[in-house]
Amino acid sequence: MQEIKKYVEDNKQRFLDELFELLRFPSVSADPKYKADVLKTADFVAAKLQEAGADKVEICQTAGYPIIYGEKIIDPSLPTVLVYGHYDVQPADPVELWDTPPFEPTIRDGKIYARGACDDKGQFYMHVKAFELMMKTGTLACNVKFMIEGEEEVGSSNLGVFVKANAERLKADVVLISDTSMISMENPSIETGLRGLAYMEVEVTGPNRDLHSGVYGGAVANPITILCKMIASLHDENNHIVIPEFYDRVVELTPAEKEALNSAPFDLDEYKKDLNIQAEWGEKGYSTLERTGTRPTLEVNGIWGGYIGEGAKTVLPSKANAKISMRLVPHQNSEEISAIFQKHFESIAPEFVKVKVTAHHGGEPVVTPTDSIAYRAAEKAIFDSFGKNPIPTRGGGSIPIVALFEDVLGIKSVLLGFGLDSDALHSPNEKYDIFNYYKGIETLPLFHKYFAELSK
């Protein structure tokens, strides 16, 4: 541990400078105007992997953005860790809500503010620097492969094709992912499950053109009003989703599982203070930790229609749209949920509008084992680094590739993230604590060490 700490201390400014360089690339995969920047980011990642000591570094082309692959095979008889991450980021919108420019990383109170600081540039780059550390100090204890993609934020649509076509090259004993969070640095944790995702877009159309709201208002249905009513009807008074068959595959936690989940440190007052809300909201009969980790949800991610510019324009719009995501729990299937959502949403449309439902992307929920060699290695690494045993938790987010790895490659994943739920992922002023960044670089080599030892 002392050798690790010394290497980090001797190189910490360079580690930070390199991360800042990475964060300055606006690698927004959702917006085609950033295509050149996304490709430059891929080049940067490949170069840094090569500098760190990886062999066979390749920028693998796909139908979308490239996947960066690299490896270091020190002994084929040793176990192999496959590191997964993504170099693309969410759009920075609304940019006006950022305190500092989203692609000009800024340090305030020991925190790095930038789009992608935590999700996932800061986290995947910890692995690159931890790998460099092990190479430079001669402490790499197992084989390592890297697969860093550029389309995670838009559904990883080309990753499945790549994984299936490169199953032999990606062969490994475990997937190591840092794209999740801990409870806190004082209470380290490991996520043992992720929710799935079904992402939809809906369009409601009324008249064949925008209308004068004075001339036609009260006589023609307003698509925005109808859409809002339709969306509101998807939950009942207990915030329970009313779509038929939605909960058919959902398995309730046992009393013991509930007790274990709710024993994790959680301060509801601090939670409300951090978000500046008066009260929590959610499905009746469940705690906040249960709602965010073990229950399915349906949320509106965006809604638009009519005139939203400066000043006034008295228009009755022709169309209204919304984007809706559903987080799924074990045993639910994204394609099934997408289908029943479409069926239900079309069925509740009144006769004076037309409805179009489009399924975008999805992913399956996963639960990772806590009795595996890899999980035990992660536990030991965290204990050595933090001086505490990690608490197993369930994550509310989705990483579709985890289920894909299991299905195609037949290997489980370890979700060893160093972010915090308060890091404002996907929001303005995303951040990542400098302490967490360095702590990850210190902890990851210990995982490799213990994984190799426990695999003997």
Protein backbone atom coordinates (compact mmCIF):
# COMPACT_ATOMS: atom_id res chain seq x y z
CA MET A 1 0.00 0.00 0.00
CA GLN A 2 2.87 2.40 0.77
CA GLU A 3 4.37 1.85 -2.69
CA ILE A 4 0.99 2.59 -4.26
CA LYS A 5 0.48 5.75 -2.22
CA LYS A 6 3.99 6.97 -3.06
CA TYR A 7 3.46 6.53 -6.80
CA VAL A 8 0.14 8.39 -6.64
CA GLU A 9 1.68 11.17 -4.54
CA ASP A 10 4.64 11.54 -6.92
CA ASN A 11 2.34 11.76 -9.97
CA LYS A 12 -0.86 13.30 -8.64
CA GLN A 13 -0.54 16.62 -10.49
CA ARG A 14 0.09 14.82 -13.79
CA PHE A 15 -2.85 12.50 -13.12
CA LEU A 16 -5.06 15.55 -12.59
CA ASP A 17 -3.72 17.41 -15.62
CA GLU A 18 -4.38 14.42 -17.87
CA LEU A 19 -7.93 14.06 -16.57
CA PHE A 20 -8.54 17.75 -17.23
CA GLU A 21 -7.31 17.30 -20.78
CA LEU A 22 -9.75 14.42 -21.23
CA LEU A 23 -12.62 16.43 -19.74
CA ARG A 24 -12.08 19.30 -22.17
CA PHE A 25 -13.26 17.14 -25.08
CA PRO A 26 -17.03 17.69 -25.55
CA SER A 27 -17.61 14.03 -26.39
CA VAL A 28 -21.42 14.22 -26.54
CA SER A 29 -22.50 11.10 -28.40
CA ALA A 30 -26.15 12.18 -28.63
CA ASP A 31 -25.47 15.25 -30.77
CA PRO A 32 -23.95 14.81 -34.27
CA LYS A 33 -22.37 18.28 -34.15
CA TYR A 34 -19.85 16.89 -31.65
CA LYS A 35 -18.77 13.98 -33.86
CA ALA A 36 -15.25 15.31 -34.45
CA ASP A 37 -14.78 15.86 -30.71
CA VAL A 38 -15.97 12.34 -29.86
CA LEU A 39 -13.46 10.90 -32.33
CA LYS A 40 -10.66 13.06 -30.87
CA THR A 41 -11.56 11.71 -27.43
CA ALA A 42 -11.21 8.15 -28.71
CA ASP A 43 -7.75 8.99 -30.07
CA PHE A 44 -6.75 10.47 -26.71
CA VAL A 45 -7.91 7.41 -24.77
CA ALA A 46 -6.05 5.05 -27.10
CA ALA A 47 -2.85 7.08 -26.79
CA LYS A 48 -3.02 7.14 -23.00
CA LEU A 49 -3.64 3.39 -22.81
CA GLN A 50 -0.58 2.82 -24.96
CA GLU A 51 1.53 5.19 -22.86
CA ALA A 52 0.42 3.35 -19.71
CA GLY A 53 1.84 0.09 -21.09
CA ALA A 54 -1.02 -1.67 -22.86
CA ASP A 55 -0.26 -3.85 -25.89
CA LYS A 56 -2.36 -4.21 -29.04
CA VAL A 57 -4.18 -0.94 -28.47
CA GLU A 58 -6.74 -0.57 -31.24
CA ILE A 59 -9.38 1.96 -32.18
CA CYS A 60 -12.10 -0.45 -33.29
CA GLN A 61 -14.58 1.04 -35.74
CA THR A 62 -18.30 0.35 -35.37
CA ALA A 63 -21.42 1.56 -37.15
CA GLY A 64 -21.31 4.42 -34.64
CA TYR A 65 -18.45 5.66 -32.50
CA PRO A 66 -15.31 3.56 -32.04
CA ILE A 67 -14.49 1.23 -29.16
CA ILE A 68 -10.99 1.41 -27.71
CA TYR A 69 -9.45 -1.98 -27.00
CA GLY A 70 -6.15 -2.66 -25.28
CA GLU A 71 -4.58 -5.50 -23.34
CA LYS A 72 -1.61 -6.62 -21.31
CA ILE A 73 -1.18 -10.37 -21.12
CA ILE A 74 1.65 -11.10 -18.70
CA ASP A 75 0.94 -14.83 -18.37
CA PRO A 76 -1.90 -16.74 -20.10
CA SER A 77 -2.17 -19.02 -17.06
CA LEU A 78 -3.11 -16.09 -14.80
CA PRO A 79 -6.67 -14.76 -14.44
CA THR A 80 -7.80 -11.92 -16.70
CA VAL A 81 -9.71 -8.77 -15.74
CA LEU A 82 -11.73 -6.99 -18.44
CA VAL A 83 -12.09 -3.28 -17.62
CA TYR A 84 -15.13 -1.55 -19.12
CA GLY A 85 -15.85 2.17 -19.28
CA HIS A 86 -17.16 4.85 -21.63
CA TYR A 87 -15.64 8.06 -22.94
CA ASP A 88 -18.86 9.66 -24.19
CA VAL A 89 -20.85 12.05 -22.01
CA GLN A 90 -24.34 13.43 -21.64
CA PRO A 91 -25.26 16.75 -23.28
CA ALA A 92 -24.43 19.73 -21.05
CA ASP A 93 -27.86 21.35 -21.51
CA PRO A 94 -29.13 23.54 -19.99
CA VAL A 95 -25.73 25.23 -20.25
CA GLU A 96 -26.97 28.44 -18.58
CA LEU A 97 -27.39 26.55 -15.29
CA TRP A 98 -23.69 25.69 -15.05
CA ASP A 99 -21.68 27.86 -12.67
CA THR A 100 -18.59 27.33 -14.84
CA PRO A 101 -18.28 26.13 -18.47
CA PRO A 102 -19.12 22.39 -18.67
CA PHE A 103 -16.10 21.51 -20.79
CA GLU A 104 -13.59 23.68 -18.94
CA PRO A 105 -12.92 21.66 -15.76
CA THR A 106 -12.80 23.79 -12.64
CA ILE A 107 -11.83 22.94 -9.07
CA ARG A 108 -13.99 24.29 -6.23
CA ASP A 109 -13.76 23.02 -2.66
CA GLY A 110 -11.70 20.01 -3.70
CA LYS A 111 -14.17 18.95 -6.39
CA ILE A 112 -13.75 18.83 -10.18
CA TYR A 113 -16.71 20.42 -11.97
CA ALA A 114 -17.14 19.37 -15.60
CA ARG A 115 -19.41 17.28 -17.78
CA GLY A 116 -18.15 13.70 -17.55
CA ALA A 117 -16.08 14.37 -14.43
CA CYS A 118 -17.70 11.38 -12.70
CA ASP A 119 -19.76 9.79 -15.48
CA ASP A 120 -17.56 8.23 -16.68
CA LYS A 121 -14.31 9.92 -17.64
CA GLY A 122 -13.00 10.44 -14.13
CA GLN A 123 -13.92 6.91 -13.18
CA PHE A 124 -12.64 4.97 -16.19
CA TYR A 125 -9.46 7.05 -16.27
CA MET A 126 -8.69 5.83 -12.73
CA HIS A 127 -8.23 2.40 -14.29
CA VAL A 128 -5.80 3.72 -16.89
CA LYS A 129 -3.69 5.38 -14.20
CA ALA A 130 -3.94 2.38 -11.86
CA PHE A 131 -2.74 0.20 -14.74
CA GLU A 132 0.15 2.60 -15.36
CA LEU A 133 1.02 2.41 -11.66
CA MET A 134 1.11 -1.39 -11.71
CA MET A 135 3.21 -1.42 -14.88
CA LYS A 136 5.72 1.13 -13.59
CA THR A 137 6.08 -0.52 -10.18
CA GLY A 138 6.16 -4.09 -11.53
CA THR A 139 3.13 -5.09 -9.46
CA LEU A 140 0.64 -6.15 -12.15
CA ALA A 141 -0.59 -9.49 -10.80
CA CYS A 142 -2.99 -10.61 -13.56
CA ASN A 143 -3.80 -10.03 -17.20
CA VAL A 144 -5.79 -6.92 -18.07
CA LYS A 145 -7.98 -6.06 -21.03
CA PHE A 146 -9.65 -2.71 -21.66
CA MET A 147 -12.81 -1.96 -23.60
CA ILE A 148 -13.78 1.71 -23.50
CA GLU A 149 -16.78 2.64 -25.65
CA GLY A 150 -18.21 5.88 -26.98
CA GLU A 151 -21.97 5.25 -27.05
CA GLU A 152 -23.03 4.33 -23.52
CA GLU A 153 -25.04 7.51 -23.10
CA VAL A 154 -27.10 6.70 -26.21
CA GLY A 155 -27.79 3.05 -25.43
CA SER A 156 -24.60 1.21 -26.50
CA SER A 157 -26.39 0.07 -29.66
CA ASN A 158 -23.18 -1.08 -31.39
CA LEU A 159 -21.48 -2.61 -28.37
CA GLY A 160 -23.48 -5.82 -28.51
CA VAL A 161 -22.40 -6.40 -32.10
CA PHE A 162 -18.78 -5.80 -31.13
CA VAL A 163 -18.88 -8.10 -28.11
CA LYS A 164 -20.45 -10.95 -30.07
CA ALA A 165 -17.96 -10.57 -32.90
CA ASN A 166 -15.00 -10.40 -30.50
CA ALA A 167 -16.02 -12.91 -27.84
CA GLU A 168 -12.70 -14.75 -28.02
CA ARG A 169 -10.62 -11.59 -27.82
CA LEU A 170 -12.68 -10.34 -24.85
CA LYS A 171 -12.42 -13.62 -22.98
CA ALA A 172 -11.83 -12.89 -19.29
CA ASP A 173 -12.65 -14.07 -15.78
CA VAL A 174 -14.46 -10.95 -14.56
CA VAL A 175 -15.57 -7.55 -15.80
CA LEU A 176 -14.48 -4.62 -13.63
CA ILE A 177 -16.61 -1.48 -13.95
CA SER A 178 -16.35 1.91 -12.26
CA ASP A 179 -19.49 3.70 -13.41
CA THR A 180 -21.38 3.56 -10.13
CA SER A 181 -21.31 5.24 -6.74
CA MET A 182 -20.53 4.66 -3.07
CA ILE A 183 -22.60 5.74 -0.09
CA SER A 184 -19.73 8.01 0.96
CA MET A 185 -15.99 7.92 1.44
CA GLU A 186 -16.69 7.39 5.15
CA ASN A 187 -19.05 4.50 4.36
CA PRO A 188 -17.57 2.71 1.33
CA SER A 189 -19.92 0.41 -0.54
CA ILE A 190 -20.12 -1.87 -3.57
CA GLU A 191 -23.21 -1.95 -5.77
CA THR A 192 -24.48 -5.49 -6.20
CA GLY A 193 -27.27 -4.82 -8.65
CA LEU A 194 -28.49 -2.41 -11.31
CA ARG A 195 -31.90 -1.66 -12.68
CA GLY A 196 -32.75 -2.20 -16.32
CA LEU A 197 -34.15 0.41 -18.68
CA ALA A 198 -36.87 0.86 -21.26
CA TYR A 199 -36.67 4.27 -22.95
CA MET A 200 -39.63 5.54 -24.98
CA GLU A 201 -40.74 8.59 -26.90
CA VAL A 202 -44.39 9.52 -27.37
CA GLU A 203 -46.03 11.96 -29.76
CA VAL A 204 -49.59 13.24 -29.54
CA THR A 205 -51.04 14.96 -32.60
CA GLY A 206 -54.25 16.99 -32.75
CA PRO A 207 -55.07 19.36 -35.62
CA ASN A 208 -53.04 19.31 -38.82
CA ARG A 209 -51.35 22.65 -38.01
CA ASP A 210 -50.81 25.07 -35.13
CA LEU A 211 -53.98 27.06 -34.50
CA HIS A 212 -54.95 30.47 -33.10
CA SER A 213 -55.85 29.73 -29.48
CA GLY A 214 -58.58 32.36 -29.50
CA VAL A 215 -60.27 31.26 -32.69
CA TYR A 216 -60.03 27.51 -32.02
CA GLY A 217 -59.46 27.23 -28.27
CA GLY A 218 -62.26 25.34 -26.51
CA ALA A 219 -63.36 23.64 -29.70
CA VAL A 220 -60.23 21.65 -30.63
CA ALA A 221 -58.29 19.39 -28.27
CA ASN A 222 -54.90 20.75 -27.20
CA PRO A 223 -52.27 17.99 -27.63
CA ILE A 224 -50.19 19.33 -24.72
CA THR A 225 -53.16 19.15 -22.37
CA ILE A 226 -54.08 15.66 -23.56
CA LEU A 227 -50.47 14.44 -23.28
CA CYS A 228 -50.20 15.77 -19.72
CA LYS A 229 -53.44 14.02 -18.75
CA MET A 230 -52.28 10.76 -20.31
CA ILE A 231 -48.95 10.91 -18.50
CA ALA A 232 -50.59 11.80 -15.20
CA SER A 233 -52.85 8.76 -15.50
CA LEU A 234 -49.86 6.37 -15.54
CA HIS A 235 -49.57 6.56 -11.72
CA ASP A 236 -52.35 6.18 -9.15
CA GLU A 237 -52.78 8.11 -5.90
CA ASN A 238 -50.16 5.89 -4.24
CA ASN A 239 -47.63 6.57 -7.03
CA HIS A 240 -48.04 2.99 -8.20
CA ILE A 241 -47.71 2.46 -11.96
CA VAL A 242 -51.08 1.42 -13.38
CA ILE A 243 -49.99 -0.11 -16.71
CA PRO A 244 -51.49 -3.64 -16.87
CA GLU A 245 -48.89 -6.44 -16.45
CA PHE A 246 -46.17 -3.95 -15.50
CA TYR A 247 -45.50 -5.60 -12.12
CA ASP A 248 -46.19 -9.20 -13.16
CA ARG A 249 -42.51 -10.24 -12.95
CA VAL A 250 -41.52 -8.03 -10.00
CA VAL A 251 -40.46 -10.05 -6.95
CA GLU A 252 -40.91 -8.44 -3.53
CA LEU A 253 -37.95 -8.38 -1.17
CA THR A 254 -38.06 -10.74 1.77
CA PRO A 255 -38.22 -9.18 5.25
CA ALA A 256 -34.55 -10.10 5.73
CA GLU A 257 -33.58 -8.46 2.43
CA LYS A 258 -35.54 -5.33 3.35
CA GLU A 259 -33.81 -5.15 6.70
CA ALA A 260 -30.36 -5.56 5.16
CA LEU A 261 -31.03 -2.94 2.49
CA ASN A 262 -32.37 -0.38 4.93
CA SER A 263 -29.50 -0.89 7.37
CA ALA A 264 -27.21 1.07 5.05
CA PRO A 265 -26.36 4.56 6.41
CA PHE A 266 -28.94 7.00 5.10
CA ASP A 267 -29.99 10.38 6.47
CA LEU A 268 -33.35 11.41 5.02
CA ASP A 269 -33.06 14.97 6.32
CA GLU A 270 -29.64 15.35 4.68
CA TYR A 271 -31.05 13.83 1.49
CA LYS A 272 -33.85 16.41 1.39
CA LYS A 273 -31.47 19.24 2.26
CA ASP A 274 -29.06 18.28 -0.53
CA LEU A 275 -31.90 18.32 -3.08
CA ASN A 276 -33.68 21.34 -1.54
CA ILE A 277 -37.00 19.49 -1.33
CA GLN A 278 -39.56 19.55 1.46
CA ALA A 279 -40.47 15.88 1.31
CA GLU A 280 -39.58 12.73 -0.57
CA TRP A 281 -41.98 11.31 -3.17
CA GLY A 282 -42.52 7.77 -4.33
CA GLU A 283 -44.41 4.54 -4.28
CA LYS A 284 -46.35 4.20 -1.03
CA GLY A 285 -45.15 1.51 1.36
CA TYR A 286 -41.46 1.61 0.40
CA SER A 287 -38.45 3.41 1.81
CA THR A 288 -36.30 5.75 -0.26
CA LEU A 289 -33.55 3.12 -0.51
CA GLU A 290 -36.09 0.52 -1.69
CA ARG A 291 -37.61 2.93 -4.21
CA THR A 292 -34.27 3.83 -5.79
CA GLY A 293 -32.69 0.39 -5.80
CA THR A 294 -35.31 -2.35 -5.87
CA ARG A 295 -38.55 -0.94 -7.30
CA PRO A 296 -39.38 -0.21 -10.96
CA THR A 297 -40.15 3.36 -11.93
CA LEU A 298 -41.64 5.45 -14.72
CA GLU A 299 -40.32 8.98 -15.19
CA VAL A 300 -40.84 11.74 -17.74
CA ASN A 301 -37.39 12.86 -18.92
CA GLY A 302 -38.53 15.65 -21.20
CA ILE A 303 -41.74 17.19 -22.55
CA TRP A 304 -42.28 19.79 -25.24
CA GLY A 305 -44.75 21.35 -27.63
CA GLY A 306 -46.16 24.69 -28.71
CA TYR A 307 -44.36 27.99 -28.26
CA ILE A 308 -41.59 28.25 -25.66
CA GLY A 309 -39.68 31.29 -26.96
CA GLU A 310 -39.47 34.78 -25.47
CA GLY A 311 -42.65 36.75 -25.04
CA ALA A 312 -46.12 35.48 -25.94
CA LYS A 313 -47.60 33.61 -28.87
CA THR A 314 -51.18 32.49 -28.42
CA VAL A 315 -51.01 29.17 -30.21
CA LEU A 316 -52.89 25.91 -29.90
CA PRO A 317 -50.15 23.47 -30.98
CA SER A 318 -50.52 20.67 -33.47
CA LYS A 319 -48.21 18.29 -31.62
CA ALA A 320 -46.83 17.51 -28.18
CA ASN A 321 -44.01 15.10 -27.33
CA ALA A 322 -42.41 13.49 -24.31
CA LYS A 323 -39.51 11.17 -23.52
CA ILE A 324 -40.25 8.57 -20.86
CA SER A 325 -37.90 6.14 -19.16
CA MET A 326 -38.80 3.12 -17.06
CA ARG A 327 -36.24 1.60 -14.70
CA LEU A 328 -36.67 -2.13 -14.35
CA VAL A 329 -35.85 -4.64 -11.60
CA PRO A 330 -34.77 -8.30 -11.76
CA HIS A 331 -37.01 -10.57 -13.88
CA GLN A 332 -38.50 -7.66 -15.85
CA ASN A 333 -37.56 -7.55 -19.53
CA SER A 334 -37.02 -4.31 -21.43
CA GLU A 335 -38.68 -5.50 -24.66
CA GLU A 336 -41.74 -6.80 -22.81
CA ILE A 337 -42.09 -3.59 -20.82
CA SER A 338 -41.68 -1.46 -23.97
CA ALA A 339 -44.45 -3.46 -25.66
CA ILE A 340 -46.92 -3.25 -22.78
CA PHE A 341 -46.21 0.46 -22.37
CA GLN A 342 -46.95 1.07 -26.05
CA LYS A 343 -50.14 -0.99 -25.91
CA HIS A 344 -51.39 0.83 -22.83
CA PHE A 345 -50.46 4.34 -23.96
CA GLU A 346 -52.18 3.86 -27.29
CA SER A 347 -55.25 2.44 -25.55
CA ILE A 348 -55.77 5.48 -23.30
CA ALA A 349 -55.58 8.01 -26.15
CA PRO A 350 -58.93 9.83 -26.60
CA GLU A 351 -60.47 9.84 -30.05
CA PHE A 352 -59.66 13.48 -30.77
CA VAL A 353 -55.88 12.90 -30.96
CA LYS A 354 -53.51 10.47 -32.64
CA VAL A 355 -50.68 8.83 -30.69
CA LYS A 356 -47.30 7.53 -31.85
CA VAL A 357 -45.04 5.55 -29.50
CA THR A 358 -41.38 4.86 -30.35
CA ALA A 359 -39.09 2.57 -28.35
CA HIS A 360 -35.52 3.89 -28.33
CA HIS A 361 -33.11 1.78 -26.30
CA GLY A 362 -33.18 -0.49 -23.30
CA GLY A 363 -31.20 -2.82 -21.10
CA GLU A 364 -31.77 -5.62 -18.66
CA PRO A 365 -31.56 -5.50 -14.85
CA VAL A 366 -28.75 -7.44 -13.19
CA VAL A 367 -27.76 -8.71 -9.77
CA THR A 368 -24.09 -9.50 -9.18
CA PRO A 369 -23.01 -12.27 -6.78
CA THR A 370 -21.52 -11.36 -3.41
CA ASP A 371 -19.90 -14.76 -2.85
CA SER A 372 -17.61 -14.74 -5.90
CA ILE A 373 -13.81 -14.51 -5.90
CA ALA A 374 -14.06 -11.13 -7.64
CA TYR A 375 -16.42 -9.67 -5.05
CA ARG A 376 -14.24 -10.92 -2.22
CA ALA A 377 -11.23 -9.33 -3.93
CA ALA A 378 -13.11 -6.03 -4.13
CA GLU A 379 -14.03 -6.30 -0.44
CA LYS A 380 -10.41 -6.87 0.56
CA ALA A 381 -9.21 -4.02 -1.65
CA ILE A 382 -11.69 -1.61 -0.10
CA PHE A 383 -10.82 -2.74 3.42
CA ASP A 384 -7.11 -2.17 2.81
CA SER A 385 -7.73 1.23 1.22
CA PHE A 386 -10.48 2.58 3.47
CA GLY A 387 -9.97 0.60 6.66
CA LYS A 388 -13.61 -0.52 6.56
CA ASN A 389 -15.55 -3.37 5.02
CA PRO A 390 -17.77 -2.18 2.15
CA ILE A 391 -21.57 -2.21 2.46
CA PRO A 392 -23.40 -4.03 -0.37
CA THR A 393 -26.02 -1.77 -2.00
CA ARG A 394 -28.36 -1.79 -5.00
CA GLY A 395 -27.87 0.86 -7.67
CA GLY A 396 -30.78 2.73 -9.24
CA GLY A 397 -29.06 3.33 -12.56
CA SER A 398 -28.63 1.10 -15.59
CA ILE A 399 -25.56 -0.23 -17.41
CA PRO A 400 -27.00 -2.46 -20.16
CA ILE A 401 -23.60 -3.93 -21.00
CA VAL A 402 -23.49 -5.82 -17.67
CA ALA A 403 -26.28 -8.16 -18.73
CA LEU A 404 -24.76 -8.44 -22.20
CA PHE A 405 -21.41 -9.52 -20.78
CA GLU A 406 -23.13 -12.22 -18.79
CA ASP A 407 -25.19 -13.46 -21.73
CA VAL A 408 -22.48 -13.38 -24.42
CA LEU A 409 -19.23 -13.86 -22.52
CA GLY A 410 -20.61 -15.85 -19.60
CA ILE A 411 -18.85 -13.73 -16.98
CA LYS A 412 -20.05 -11.68 -14.04
CA SER A 413 -19.16 -8.09 -13.23
CA VAL A 414 -17.94 -6.21 -10.18
CA LEU A 415 -19.29 -2.68 -9.84
CA LEU A 416 -16.47 -0.88 -8.07
CA GLY A 417 -17.47 2.76 -8.43
CA PHE A 418 -16.06 5.75 -6.55
CA GLY A 419 -18.66 8.39 -7.38
CA LEU A 420 -21.31 9.80 -5.07
CA ASP A 421 -25.05 10.10 -5.62
CA SER A 422 -24.63 13.84 -5.07
CA ASP A 423 -22.26 14.20 -8.05
CA ALA A 424 -25.06 15.61 -10.26
CA LEU A 425 -24.74 13.02 -13.00
CA HIS A 426 -26.62 14.06 -16.16
CA SER A 427 -27.26 17.47 -14.54
CA PRO A 428 -25.64 20.90 -14.64
CA ASN A 429 -22.57 21.23 -12.41
CA GLU A 430 -21.58 17.57 -12.51
CA LYS A 431 -18.65 17.01 -10.18
CA TYR A 432 -16.14 14.45 -8.95
CA ASP A 433 -14.12 14.80 -5.76
CA ILE A 434 -10.37 14.90 -6.32
CA PHE A 435 -10.05 12.69 -3.22
CA ASN A 436 -12.29 10.06 -4.81
CA TYR A 437 -10.25 10.13 -8.04
CA TYR A 438 -6.99 9.48 -6.23
CA LYS A 439 -8.64 6.96 -3.90
CA GLY A 440 -9.78 4.95 -6.90
CA ILE A 441 -6.28 4.91 -8.36
CA GLU A 442 -4.99 3.64 -5.00
CA THR A 443 -7.66 0.97 -4.55
CA LEU A 444 -7.84 -0.60 -8.02
CA PRO A 445 -4.32 -2.15 -7.96
CA LEU A 446 -5.33 -3.90 -4.72
CA PHE A 447 -8.29 -5.46 -6.50
CA HIS A 448 -5.99 -6.93 -9.15
CA LYS A 449 -3.62 -8.20 -6.45
CA TYR A 450 -6.32 -9.94 -4.44
CA PHE A 451 -8.15 -11.25 -7.50
CA ALA A 452 -4.95 -12.99 -8.63
CA GLU A 453 -4.25 -14.36 -5.16
CA LEU A 454 -7.78 -15.63 -4.51
CA SER A 455 -7.97 -17.23 -7.97
CA LYS A 456 -5.09 -19.62 -7.26
